[in-house]
């Protein structure tokens, strides 16, 4: 019995994609921690920053700074374009 559900006339690309998804399916991903800036694995922080629309990012920052910038991004975006943001900037 085959481990995939592809029809017999599948292309080489379809078979390769099927094999790749089987391998990826075995990777354990901590989904609950991926969206938390304080628990997200360090290598994934740049992607979380991109997801949260962080305006300024530096790969050379210490880990604590990266996590704090991501955590603060919602508050910063909430204030953008308001008088409070102008007062803070000026």
N, C-alpha and C. Protein backbone atom coordinates (compact mmCIF):
# COMPACT_ATOMS: atom_id res chain seq x y z
N UNK A 1 0.85 -1.19 0.00
CA UNK A 1 0.00 0.00 0.00
C UNK A 1 0.88 1.24 0.00
N UNK A 2 0.54 2.19 -0.81
CA UNK A 2 1.30 3.43 -0.93
C UNK A 2 1.01 4.36 0.25
N UNK A 3 2.02 5.18 0.62
CA UNK A 3 1.85 6.13 1.72
C UNK A 3 1.26 7.45 1.26
N UNK A 4 1.05 7.64 -0.05
CA UNK A 4 0.47 8.89 -0.52
C UNK A 4 -0.82 8.62 -1.28
N UNK A 5 -1.54 9.67 -1.54
CA UNK A 5 -2.83 9.55 -2.22
C UNK A 5 -2.77 10.01 -3.67
N UNK A 6 -1.56 10.12 -4.21
CA UNK A 6 -1.41 10.58 -5.59
C UNK A 6 -1.87 9.51 -6.57
N UNK A 7 -2.48 9.94 -7.68
CA UNK A 7 -2.87 8.97 -8.70
C UNK A 7 -1.63 8.41 -9.41
N UNK A 8 -1.80 7.31 -10.09
CA UNK A 8 -0.66 6.65 -10.74
C UNK A 8 -0.02 7.51 -11.83
N UNK A 9 -0.74 8.43 -12.43
CA UNK A 9 -0.19 9.27 -13.49
C UNK A 9 0.44 10.56 -13.00
N UNK A 10 0.82 10.62 -11.73
CA UNK A 10 1.38 11.85 -11.17
C UNK A 10 2.74 12.17 -11.77
N UNK A 11 3.02 13.46 -11.86
CA UNK A 11 4.31 13.90 -12.41
C UNK A 11 5.41 13.73 -11.36
N UNK A 12 6.64 13.83 -11.82
CA UNK A 12 7.80 13.75 -10.92
C UNK A 12 7.73 14.86 -9.87
N UNK A 13 7.33 16.05 -10.29
CA UNK A 13 7.22 17.19 -9.37
C UNK A 13 6.17 16.92 -8.30
N UNK A 14 5.05 16.37 -8.67
CA UNK A 14 4.00 16.06 -7.70
C UNK A 14 4.47 15.01 -6.70
N UNK A 15 5.19 14.00 -7.17
CA UNK A 15 5.71 12.97 -6.27
C UNK A 15 6.75 13.55 -5.31
N UNK A 16 7.61 14.43 -5.82
CA UNK A 16 8.63 15.06 -4.97
C UNK A 16 7.97 15.96 -3.93
N UNK A 17 6.93 16.69 -4.33
CA UNK A 17 6.22 17.55 -3.38
C UNK A 17 5.53 16.71 -2.31
N UNK A 18 4.99 15.58 -2.70
CA UNK A 18 4.34 14.69 -1.74
C UNK A 18 5.35 14.16 -0.72
N UNK A 19 6.53 13.77 -1.18
CA UNK A 19 7.57 13.28 -0.27
C UNK A 19 8.04 14.39 0.67
N UNK A 20 8.16 15.60 0.15
CA UNK A 20 8.62 16.72 0.97
C UNK A 20 7.61 17.04 2.07
N UNK A 21 6.33 16.97 1.76
CA UNK A 21 5.33 17.28 2.78
C UNK A 21 5.28 16.21 3.86
N UNK A 22 5.60 14.98 3.51
CA UNK A 22 5.67 13.92 4.52
C UNK A 22 6.80 14.23 5.51
N UNK A 23 7.94 14.67 4.98
CA UNK A 23 9.08 15.01 5.84
C UNK A 23 8.74 16.21 6.72
N UNK A 24 8.15 17.25 6.11
CA UNK A 24 7.80 18.46 6.86
C UNK A 24 6.75 18.13 7.92
N UNK A 25 5.85 17.23 7.61
CA UNK A 25 4.81 16.86 8.57
C UNK A 25 5.36 16.25 9.84
N UNK A 26 6.55 15.69 9.78
CA UNK A 26 7.16 15.10 10.96
C UNK A 26 7.89 16.07 11.86
N UNK A 27 8.04 17.31 11.41
CA UNK A 27 8.74 18.32 12.22
C UNK A 27 7.80 18.82 13.30
N UNK A 28 8.28 18.79 14.54
CA UNK A 28 7.47 19.24 15.66
C UNK A 28 7.59 20.76 15.77
N UNK A 29 6.49 21.47 15.64
CA UNK A 29 6.48 22.93 15.71
C UNK A 29 5.67 23.35 16.92
N UNK A 30 6.28 24.13 17.82
CA UNK A 30 5.54 24.59 19.01
C UNK A 30 4.62 25.76 18.65
N UNK A 31 3.45 25.47 18.09
CA UNK A 31 2.57 26.51 17.58
C UNK A 31 2.17 27.54 18.62
N UNK A 32 1.96 27.13 19.85
CA UNK A 32 1.55 28.08 20.88
C UNK A 32 2.62 29.11 21.18
N UNK A 33 3.87 28.74 21.01
CA UNK A 33 4.95 29.67 21.35
C UNK A 33 5.38 30.53 20.17
N UNK A 34 4.99 30.18 18.96
CA UNK A 34 5.44 30.92 17.79
C UNK A 34 4.95 32.36 17.76
N UNK A 35 3.78 32.63 18.32
CA UNK A 35 3.20 33.96 18.27
C UNK A 35 3.49 34.78 19.51
N UNK A 36 4.22 34.23 20.45
CA UNK A 36 4.57 34.93 21.68
C UNK A 36 6.00 35.44 21.59
N UNK A 37 6.21 36.76 21.59
CA UNK A 37 7.58 37.29 21.46
C UNK A 37 8.53 36.82 22.56
N UNK A 38 8.00 36.49 23.72
CA UNK A 38 8.86 36.06 24.82
C UNK A 38 9.22 34.58 24.76
N UNK A 39 8.45 33.78 24.02
CA UNK A 39 8.69 32.34 23.96
C UNK A 39 9.10 31.84 22.58
N UNK A 40 8.95 32.66 21.58
CA UNK A 40 9.28 32.26 20.21
C UNK A 40 10.76 31.86 20.13
N UNK A 41 11.09 30.77 19.44
CA UNK A 41 12.50 30.39 19.28
C UNK A 41 13.29 31.52 18.62
N UNK A 42 14.50 31.73 19.09
CA UNK A 42 15.35 32.83 18.62
C UNK A 42 15.51 32.88 17.10
N UNK A 43 15.74 31.75 16.42
CA UNK A 43 15.92 31.83 14.96
C UNK A 43 14.67 32.32 14.21
N UNK A 44 13.51 32.24 14.85
CA UNK A 44 12.26 32.64 14.19
C UNK A 44 11.84 34.07 14.52
N UNK A 45 12.56 34.76 15.38
CA UNK A 45 12.19 36.13 15.75
C UNK A 45 12.11 37.09 14.57
N UNK A 46 13.03 37.04 13.59
CA UNK A 46 12.89 37.97 12.46
C UNK A 46 11.57 37.77 11.69
N UNK A 47 11.11 36.55 11.60
CA UNK A 47 9.85 36.28 10.91
C UNK A 47 8.67 36.79 11.72
N UNK A 48 8.75 36.65 13.04
CA UNK A 48 7.70 37.17 13.90
C UNK A 48 7.67 38.69 13.83
N UNK A 49 8.85 39.31 13.78
CA UNK A 49 8.93 40.77 13.65
C UNK A 49 8.29 41.22 12.34
N UNK A 50 8.56 40.50 11.27
CA UNK A 50 7.95 40.83 9.98
C UNK A 50 6.43 40.69 10.05
N UNK A 51 5.97 39.63 10.70
CA UNK A 51 4.54 39.40 10.84
C UNK A 51 3.87 40.51 11.63
N UNK A 52 4.55 41.02 12.65
CA UNK A 52 4.01 42.09 13.49
C UNK A 52 4.29 43.48 12.90
N UNK A 53 4.84 43.54 11.69
CA UNK A 53 5.14 44.80 11.00
C UNK A 53 6.06 45.71 11.79
N UNK A 54 7.10 45.14 12.36
CA UNK A 54 8.09 45.93 13.09
C UNK A 54 8.80 46.83 12.07
N UNK A 55 8.87 48.13 12.38
CA UNK A 55 9.43 49.10 11.43
C UNK A 55 10.95 49.06 11.37
N UNK A 56 11.59 48.85 12.49
CA UNK A 56 13.05 48.87 12.51
C UNK A 56 13.55 47.59 13.15
N UNK A 57 14.47 46.91 12.47
CA UNK A 57 14.99 45.62 12.95
C UNK A 57 16.47 45.55 12.65
N UNK A 58 17.23 45.06 13.61
CA UNK A 58 18.66 44.89 13.43
C UNK A 58 19.05 43.52 13.95
N UNK A 59 19.61 42.69 13.09
CA UNK A 59 20.00 41.34 13.49
C UNK A 59 21.10 41.35 14.55
N UNK A 60 21.78 42.46 14.71
CA UNK A 60 22.86 42.55 15.70
C UNK A 60 22.37 42.92 17.10
N UNK A 61 21.10 43.24 17.26
CA UNK A 61 20.56 43.55 18.58
C UNK A 61 20.66 42.32 19.48
N UNK A 62 20.77 42.54 20.79
CA UNK A 62 20.70 41.40 21.70
C UNK A 62 19.29 40.78 21.69
N UNK A 63 19.21 39.56 22.11
CA UNK A 63 17.94 38.84 22.09
C UNK A 63 16.85 39.58 22.86
N UNK A 64 17.18 40.13 24.02
CA UNK A 64 16.18 40.83 24.84
C UNK A 64 15.58 42.02 24.08
N UNK A 65 16.43 42.75 23.36
CA UNK A 65 15.96 43.91 22.60
C UNK A 65 15.02 43.47 21.48
N UNK A 66 15.39 42.41 20.79
CA UNK A 66 14.55 41.91 19.70
C UNK A 66 13.16 41.54 20.22
N UNK A 67 13.14 40.82 21.33
CA UNK A 67 11.86 40.40 21.90
C UNK A 67 11.03 41.60 22.35
N UNK A 68 11.68 42.60 22.93
CA UNK A 68 10.96 43.78 23.41
C UNK A 68 10.41 44.61 22.25
N UNK A 69 11.18 44.74 21.18
CA UNK A 69 10.72 45.49 20.00
C UNK A 69 9.48 44.84 19.41
N UNK A 70 9.48 43.52 19.34
CA UNK A 70 8.31 42.81 18.81
C UNK A 70 7.12 43.00 19.74
N UNK A 71 7.35 42.88 21.03
CA UNK A 71 6.26 43.03 22.00
C UNK A 71 5.67 44.43 21.97
N UNK A 72 6.48 45.44 21.70
CA UNK A 72 6.02 46.83 21.69
C UNK A 72 5.38 47.24 20.36
N UNK A 73 5.49 46.43 19.34
CA UNK A 73 5.06 46.84 18.00
C UNK A 73 3.57 47.17 17.93
N UNK A 74 2.72 46.43 18.63
CA UNK A 74 1.28 46.70 18.57
C UNK A 74 0.99 48.09 19.13
N UNK A 75 1.59 48.39 20.28
CA UNK A 75 1.36 49.69 20.91
C UNK A 75 1.86 50.82 20.02
N UNK A 76 3.01 50.63 19.40
CA UNK A 76 3.58 51.65 18.53
C UNK A 76 2.68 51.88 17.31
N UNK A 77 2.19 50.82 16.70
CA UNK A 77 1.32 50.97 15.53
C UNK A 77 -0.02 51.59 15.92
N UNK A 78 -0.46 51.33 17.12
CA UNK A 78 -1.71 51.91 17.59
C UNK A 78 -1.60 53.43 17.72
N UNK A 79 -0.42 53.91 18.10
CA UNK A 79 -0.22 55.35 18.31
C UNK A 79 0.20 56.09 17.04
N UNK A 80 0.66 55.39 16.04
CA UNK A 80 1.16 56.05 14.82
C UNK A 80 0.11 57.00 14.24
N UNK A 81 0.57 58.19 13.89
CA UNK A 81 -0.31 59.16 13.26
C UNK A 81 -1.18 59.94 14.23
N UNK A 82 -1.00 59.73 15.51
CA UNK A 82 -1.80 60.45 16.50
C UNK A 82 -0.99 61.62 17.07
N UNK A 83 -1.68 62.49 17.78
CA UNK A 83 -1.00 63.62 18.43
C UNK A 83 -0.02 63.11 19.48
N UNK A 84 -0.37 62.05 20.16
CA UNK A 84 0.54 61.48 21.17
C UNK A 84 1.85 61.05 20.53
N UNK A 85 1.78 60.49 19.34
CA UNK A 85 3.00 60.07 18.65
C UNK A 85 3.84 61.28 18.24
N UNK A 86 3.18 62.33 17.80
CA UNK A 86 3.91 63.56 17.44
C UNK A 86 4.59 64.17 18.66
N UNK A 87 3.90 64.21 19.77
CA UNK A 87 4.49 64.76 21.00
C UNK A 87 5.69 63.93 21.44
N UNK A 88 5.56 62.64 21.30
CA UNK A 88 6.66 61.76 21.70
C UNK A 88 7.88 61.95 20.80
N UNK A 89 7.64 62.18 19.52
CA UNK A 89 8.72 62.35 18.56
C UNK A 89 9.39 63.71 18.69
N UNK A 90 8.60 64.74 18.87
CA UNK A 90 9.14 66.11 18.91
C UNK A 90 9.57 66.44 20.27
